[in-house]
Amino acid sequence: MFLSNNLKILRKRRHLTQDDLATILKIKRPTLNNYENQVSMPPIEMLMKLSDYFNISIDTLVRVDLSALSQSQMRELENGNDVFVKGAKLRVLTSTVGSDNEENIELVPEKAKAGYLTGFSDPEYIVSLPVFRLPFLDKERKYRTFQISGDSMWPIPAGAYVTGEYILNWNSIKNGQACIIFTLNDGLSFKIIENNIEQKGSIRCISLNPLFEPYEVPVGEIREIWKFVHYISGEIPSEQLEMNHVVRTLADIKSEVGDIKNKLFQ
């Protein structure tokens, strides 16, 4: 359990002394000191008071090591985003910071995407990724850049580098928002989102390219969602996709005609 150290962290982040917090909680300072030094465990009534005061769930106070969280994660937590869709399980994102203690933007190039499936929560893997900074992005938010493949999100071309902002509270995602979704089954996908979490417990993924059919992803399969911020590409969109449309349409027609012929002969 991490309660004792978490209490110290949360108290100090609010610039409170033990006397200050003890007064707020209406307990004696030695009692609070015992909580912070693992001498005694607060009763459930006191855990509820602590949860209410810090706006953090009891589950997170006890189970999550707050010292392992980045500054942006702590800010999200303190802003009330202590949720895993529905409930009180905090998603802990592995990230890196520079020598100035500000967060980097990690780059996941095409060749590193396979490793992301198993290394997304491994500090050693994340540290091995290239990092950079973009001065026009908000320092209070967490960003990561992914190189995309395929033409499902045309006119954003294959090979483009798409930067996303980490989303902790998935319920906040608006319909029509472009996002990078990471699941253990399908890896990284860049899609337009239809948020059906409240109604169906899933999100609907839609491609900009109409040749790709929409599909539903249960939230239980999702590990990360990054809201689209911008993309970087060395390519100028061309008419190549129109030809791809024609080729694929002809292939679909050929397949359908073949199915009809087979049924007729049968």
Protein backbone atom coordinates (compact mmCIF):
# COMPACT_ATOMS: atom_id res chain seq x y z
CA MET A 1 0.00 0.00 0.00
CA PHE A 2 1.15 3.55 -0.78
CA LEU A 3 -1.13 5.54 1.52
CA SER A 4 1.50 6.91 3.89
CA ASN A 5 3.80 8.30 1.20
CA ASN A 6 0.84 9.50 -0.87
CA LEU A 7 -0.41 11.55 2.07
CA LYS A 8 2.96 13.26 2.36
CA ILE A 9 3.05 14.00 -1.38
CA LEU A 10 -0.49 15.40 -1.50
CA ARG A 11 -0.02 17.47 1.66
CA LYS A 12 3.22 19.02 0.42
CA ARG A 13 1.73 19.76 -3.02
CA ARG A 14 -0.83 21.91 -1.21
CA HIS A 15 1.93 23.53 0.84
CA LEU A 16 0.44 22.33 4.11
CA THR A 17 2.22 21.41 7.33
CA GLN A 18 1.10 18.44 9.37
CA ASP A 19 -0.52 20.87 11.79
CA ASP A 20 -2.42 22.52 8.91
CA LEU A 21 -3.82 19.25 7.56
CA ALA A 22 -4.57 17.88 11.03
CA THR A 23 -6.63 20.99 11.74
CA ILE A 24 -8.54 20.62 8.46
CA LEU A 25 -9.26 16.96 9.19
CA LYS A 26 -10.09 17.74 12.86
CA ILE A 27 -7.55 15.27 14.24
CA LYS A 28 -4.41 15.64 16.31
CA ARG A 29 -1.07 16.19 14.56
CA PRO A 30 0.52 13.01 16.10
CA THR A 31 -2.36 11.00 14.62
CA LEU A 32 -1.63 12.35 11.15
CA ASN A 33 2.08 11.78 11.70
CA ASN A 34 1.32 8.13 12.48
CA TYR A 35 -0.61 7.82 9.21
CA GLU A 36 2.29 9.30 7.23
CA ASN A 37 4.87 7.05 8.90
CA GLN A 38 2.91 3.78 8.69
CA VAL A 39 2.55 3.56 12.45
CA SER A 40 -1.22 3.25 12.13
CA MET A 41 -3.83 2.98 9.39
CA PRO A 42 -6.67 5.51 9.22
CA PRO A 43 -10.19 4.11 9.70
CA ILE A 44 -12.61 4.09 6.80
CA GLU A 45 -14.25 7.32 7.97
CA MET A 46 -10.87 9.10 7.82
CA LEU A 47 -10.10 7.59 4.40
CA MET A 48 -13.37 9.07 3.17
CA LYS A 49 -12.39 12.48 4.57
CA LEU A 50 -8.99 12.30 2.88
CA SER A 51 -10.61 11.24 -0.38
CA ASP A 52 -13.07 14.13 -0.25
CA TYR A 53 -10.43 16.71 0.68
CA PHE A 54 -7.89 15.76 -1.98
CA ASN A 55 -10.58 14.89 -4.56
CA ILE A 56 -8.96 11.52 -5.13
CA SER A 57 -10.55 8.08 -4.75
CA ILE A 58 -9.71 5.87 -1.79
CA ASP A 59 -8.57 3.19 -4.23
CA THR A 60 -5.96 5.54 -5.72
CA LEU A 61 -4.87 6.85 -2.31
CA VAL A 62 -4.11 3.30 -1.21
CA ARG A 63 -3.10 1.43 -4.38
CA VAL A 64 -1.35 3.91 -6.70
CA ASP A 65 2.22 5.08 -6.11
CA LEU A 66 1.81 8.81 -6.72
CA SER A 67 5.59 9.32 -6.64
CA ALA A 68 5.78 7.38 -9.92
CA LEU A 69 3.46 9.80 -11.74
CA SER A 70 4.65 12.66 -13.92
CA GLN A 71 3.68 16.26 -13.19
CA SER A 72 1.03 16.24 -15.93
CA GLN A 73 -0.48 13.05 -14.52
CA MET A 74 -0.58 14.53 -11.04
CA ARG A 75 -2.32 17.62 -12.38
CA GLU A 76 -4.89 15.46 -14.17
CA LEU A 77 -5.44 13.50 -10.97
CA GLU A 78 -5.84 16.59 -8.82
CA ASN A 79 -8.27 18.04 -11.38
CA GLY A 80 -10.64 15.16 -10.71
CA ASN A 81 -9.71 12.87 -13.61
CA ASP A 82 -9.21 9.85 -11.39
CA VAL A 83 -11.25 7.48 -13.54
CA PHE A 84 -10.89 4.43 -15.78
CA VAL A 85 -13.94 5.12 -17.94
CA LYS A 86 -16.23 4.20 -15.01
CA GLY A 87 -14.67 3.49 -11.65
CA ALA A 88 -11.60 4.59 -9.80
CA LYS A 89 -8.63 2.92 -11.42
CA LEU A 90 -5.96 5.38 -12.58
CA ARG A 91 -4.21 4.74 -15.87
CA VAL A 92 -0.51 5.33 -15.29
CA LEU A 93 1.35 6.53 -18.39
CA THR A 94 5.08 5.88 -18.69
CA SER A 95 6.79 9.03 -19.98
CA THR A 96 10.14 10.85 -19.98
CA VAL A 97 11.32 14.26 -18.80
CA GLY A 98 14.33 16.35 -19.72
CA SER A 99 17.06 17.77 -17.48
CA ASP A 100 14.79 20.77 -16.85
CA ASN A 101 12.10 18.40 -15.45
CA GLU A 102 9.73 19.25 -18.31
CA GLU A 103 8.12 16.46 -20.28
CA ASN A 104 9.47 15.34 -23.63
CA ILE A 105 7.48 14.38 -26.69
CA GLU A 106 8.42 10.77 -27.39
CA LEU A 107 8.50 9.72 -31.04
CA VAL A 108 7.22 6.27 -32.05
CA PRO A 109 8.46 5.74 -35.63
CA GLU A 110 7.10 3.02 -37.89
CA LYS A 111 9.96 0.64 -37.05
CA ALA A 112 9.23 0.99 -33.31
CA LYS A 113 5.46 0.42 -33.47
CA ALA A 114 5.73 -3.36 -33.02
CA GLY A 115 7.75 -2.82 -29.85
CA TYR A 116 5.11 -0.44 -28.51
CA LEU A 117 2.70 -3.38 -28.14
CA THR A 118 4.75 -4.82 -25.30
CA GLY A 119 6.81 -1.80 -24.28
CA PHE A 120 4.16 0.92 -23.91
CA SER A 121 4.29 0.62 -20.10
CA ASP A 122 7.98 -0.32 -19.85
CA PRO A 123 10.16 2.62 -18.75
CA GLU A 124 13.22 1.12 -20.48
CA TYR A 125 11.40 0.96 -23.82
CA ILE A 126 9.94 4.46 -23.52
CA VAL A 127 13.35 5.89 -22.60
CA SER A 128 14.82 4.28 -25.75
CA LEU A 129 12.50 6.29 -28.03
CA PRO A 130 13.70 9.51 -29.72
CA VAL A 131 12.44 12.65 -27.97
CA PHE A 132 11.95 16.28 -28.95
CA ARG A 133 10.10 19.45 -27.95
CA LEU A 134 7.69 21.76 -29.79
CA PRO A 135 7.64 25.25 -28.28
CA PHE A 136 4.09 26.06 -29.40
CA LEU A 137 2.50 23.19 -27.43
CA ASP A 138 1.12 23.58 -23.90
CA LYS A 139 3.75 22.55 -21.33
CA GLU A 140 0.96 21.53 -18.96
CA ARG A 141 -0.15 18.68 -21.23
CA LYS A 142 1.40 15.37 -22.27
CA TYR A 143 2.10 14.69 -25.96
CA ARG A 144 3.47 11.80 -28.02
CA THR A 145 4.10 11.52 -31.77
CA PHE A 146 3.35 8.41 -33.85
CA GLN A 147 4.28 7.68 -37.47
CA ILE A 148 1.20 6.38 -39.28
CA SER A 149 0.93 3.93 -42.15
CA GLY A 150 -1.73 3.18 -44.76
CA ASP A 151 -4.21 5.52 -46.44
CA SER A 152 -7.26 5.12 -44.17
CA MET A 153 -6.93 8.73 -42.99
CA TRP A 154 -6.19 10.38 -46.33
CA PRO A 155 -5.42 13.25 -47.07
CA ILE A 156 -3.02 12.72 -44.15
CA PRO A 157 -0.49 10.58 -46.04
CA ALA A 158 1.17 7.35 -44.97
CA GLY A 159 4.45 8.04 -43.21
CA ALA A 160 3.21 11.27 -41.63
CA TYR A 161 4.08 11.98 -37.99
CA VAL A 162 0.91 12.55 -35.98
CA THR A 163 1.14 14.20 -32.56
CA GLY A 164 -1.50 13.47 -29.96
CA GLU A 165 -2.37 14.80 -26.51
CA TYR A 166 -2.79 12.12 -23.85
CA ILE A 167 -6.42 11.72 -22.76
CA LEU A 168 -7.02 10.34 -19.29
CA ASN A 169 -10.80 10.78 -19.12
CA TRP A 170 -12.17 9.07 -22.23
CA ASN A 171 -15.69 10.28 -21.50
CA SER A 172 -14.47 13.77 -22.38
CA ILE A 173 -13.77 12.84 -26.01
CA LYS A 174 -16.20 14.58 -28.36
CA ASN A 175 -17.79 12.93 -31.38
CA GLY A 176 -15.85 13.72 -34.54
CA GLN A 177 -12.54 14.10 -32.72
CA ALA A 178 -9.54 12.50 -34.47
CA CYS A 179 -7.56 10.27 -32.09
CA ILE A 180 -4.78 7.73 -31.97
CA ILE A 181 -6.15 4.62 -30.25
CA PHE A 182 -3.88 1.96 -28.82
CA THR A 183 -5.15 -1.57 -28.15
CA LEU A 184 -3.23 -4.76 -27.45
CA ASN A 185 -5.12 -6.54 -30.25
CA ASP A 186 -4.77 -4.02 -33.07
CA GLY A 187 -1.87 -1.84 -31.94
CA LEU A 188 -1.99 1.81 -32.95
CA SER A 189 -4.85 3.15 -35.07
CA PHE A 190 -5.54 6.72 -36.21
CA LYS A 191 -9.29 7.31 -36.57
CA ILE A 192 -12.21 9.68 -36.14
CA ILE A 193 -14.05 8.84 -32.92
CA GLU A 194 -17.73 8.39 -32.18
CA ASN A 195 -17.95 8.21 -28.40
CA ASN A 196 -20.39 5.44 -27.39
CA ILE A 197 -18.89 4.75 -23.96
CA GLU A 198 -21.98 5.74 -21.98
CA GLN A 199 -24.41 3.89 -24.27
CA LYS A 200 -22.46 0.81 -25.40
CA GLY A 201 -19.18 0.80 -23.48
CA SER A 202 -17.29 1.21 -26.75
CA ILE A 203 -15.98 3.72 -29.25
CA ARG A 204 -16.71 3.67 -32.98
CA CYS A 205 -13.64 4.18 -35.18
CA ILE A 206 -14.22 5.88 -38.52
CA SER A 207 -11.71 6.45 -41.33
CA LEU A 208 -11.56 9.60 -43.46
CA ASN A 209 -11.17 7.30 -46.45
CA PRO A 210 -14.70 5.98 -47.20
CA LEU A 211 -13.29 2.71 -48.53
CA PHE A 212 -12.58 1.64 -44.94
CA GLU A 213 -15.58 0.43 -42.94
CA PRO A 214 -16.19 1.83 -39.43
CA TYR A 215 -15.84 -0.58 -36.51
CA GLU A 216 -16.50 -0.67 -32.76
CA VAL A 217 -13.80 -1.12 -30.11
CA PRO A 218 -14.84 -2.12 -26.54
CA VAL A 219 -13.22 0.16 -23.96
CA GLY A 220 -11.87 -2.91 -22.16
CA GLU A 221 -9.50 -3.49 -25.09
CA ILE A 222 -8.18 0.08 -25.14
CA ARG A 223 -4.99 1.01 -23.31
CA GLU A 224 -4.33 4.58 -24.50
CA ILE A 225 -6.10 7.35 -26.41
CA TRP A 226 -4.28 10.40 -27.78
CA LYS A 227 -6.28 13.35 -29.14
CA PHE A 228 -5.03 14.60 -32.51
CA VAL A 229 -3.09 17.89 -32.31
CA HIS A 230 -1.26 18.18 -35.62
CA TYR A 231 0.78 16.22 -38.14
CA ILE A 232 4.10 16.67 -39.93
CA SER A 233 4.70 15.33 -43.42
CA GLY A 234 7.14 15.90 -46.24
CA GLU A 235 4.52 14.92 -48.83
CA ILE A 236 2.03 17.09 -50.68
CA PRO A 237 -1.33 15.29 -51.09
CA SER A 238 -1.71 13.97 -54.63
CA GLU A 239 -4.39 12.35 -56.74
CA GLN A 240 -2.98 8.91 -56.04
CA LEU A 241 -5.81 8.05 -53.68
CA GLU A 242 -8.40 8.53 -56.44
CA MET A 243 -6.67 5.84 -58.47
CA ASN A 244 -6.60 3.63 -55.38
CA HIS A 245 -10.36 4.18 -55.08
CA VAL A 246 -10.87 3.04 -58.67
CA VAL A 247 -8.65 -0.04 -58.27
CA ARG A 248 -10.31 -1.11 -55.04
CA THR A 249 -13.81 -0.47 -56.38
CA LEU A 250 -13.08 -2.58 -59.46
CA ALA A 251 -11.68 -5.33 -57.25
CA ASP A 252 -14.84 -5.25 -55.10
CA ILE A 253 -17.06 -5.39 -58.18
CA LYS A 254 -15.05 -8.29 -59.58
CA SER A 255 -15.39 -10.16 -56.30
CA GLU A 256 -19.14 -9.55 -56.14
CA VAL A 257 -19.61 -10.69 -59.75
CA GLY A 258 -17.64 -13.82 -58.95
CA ASP A 259 -19.90 -14.56 -55.97
CA ILE A 260 -23.00 -14.09 -58.13
CA LYS A 261 -21.63 -16.46 -60.78
CA ASN A 262 -20.86 -19.11 -58.17
CA LYS A 263 -24.39 -18.89 -56.77
CA LEU A 264 -25.92 -19.14 -60.25
CA PHE A 265 -23.90 -22.21 -61.15
CA GLN A 266 -24.74 -23.84 -57.86
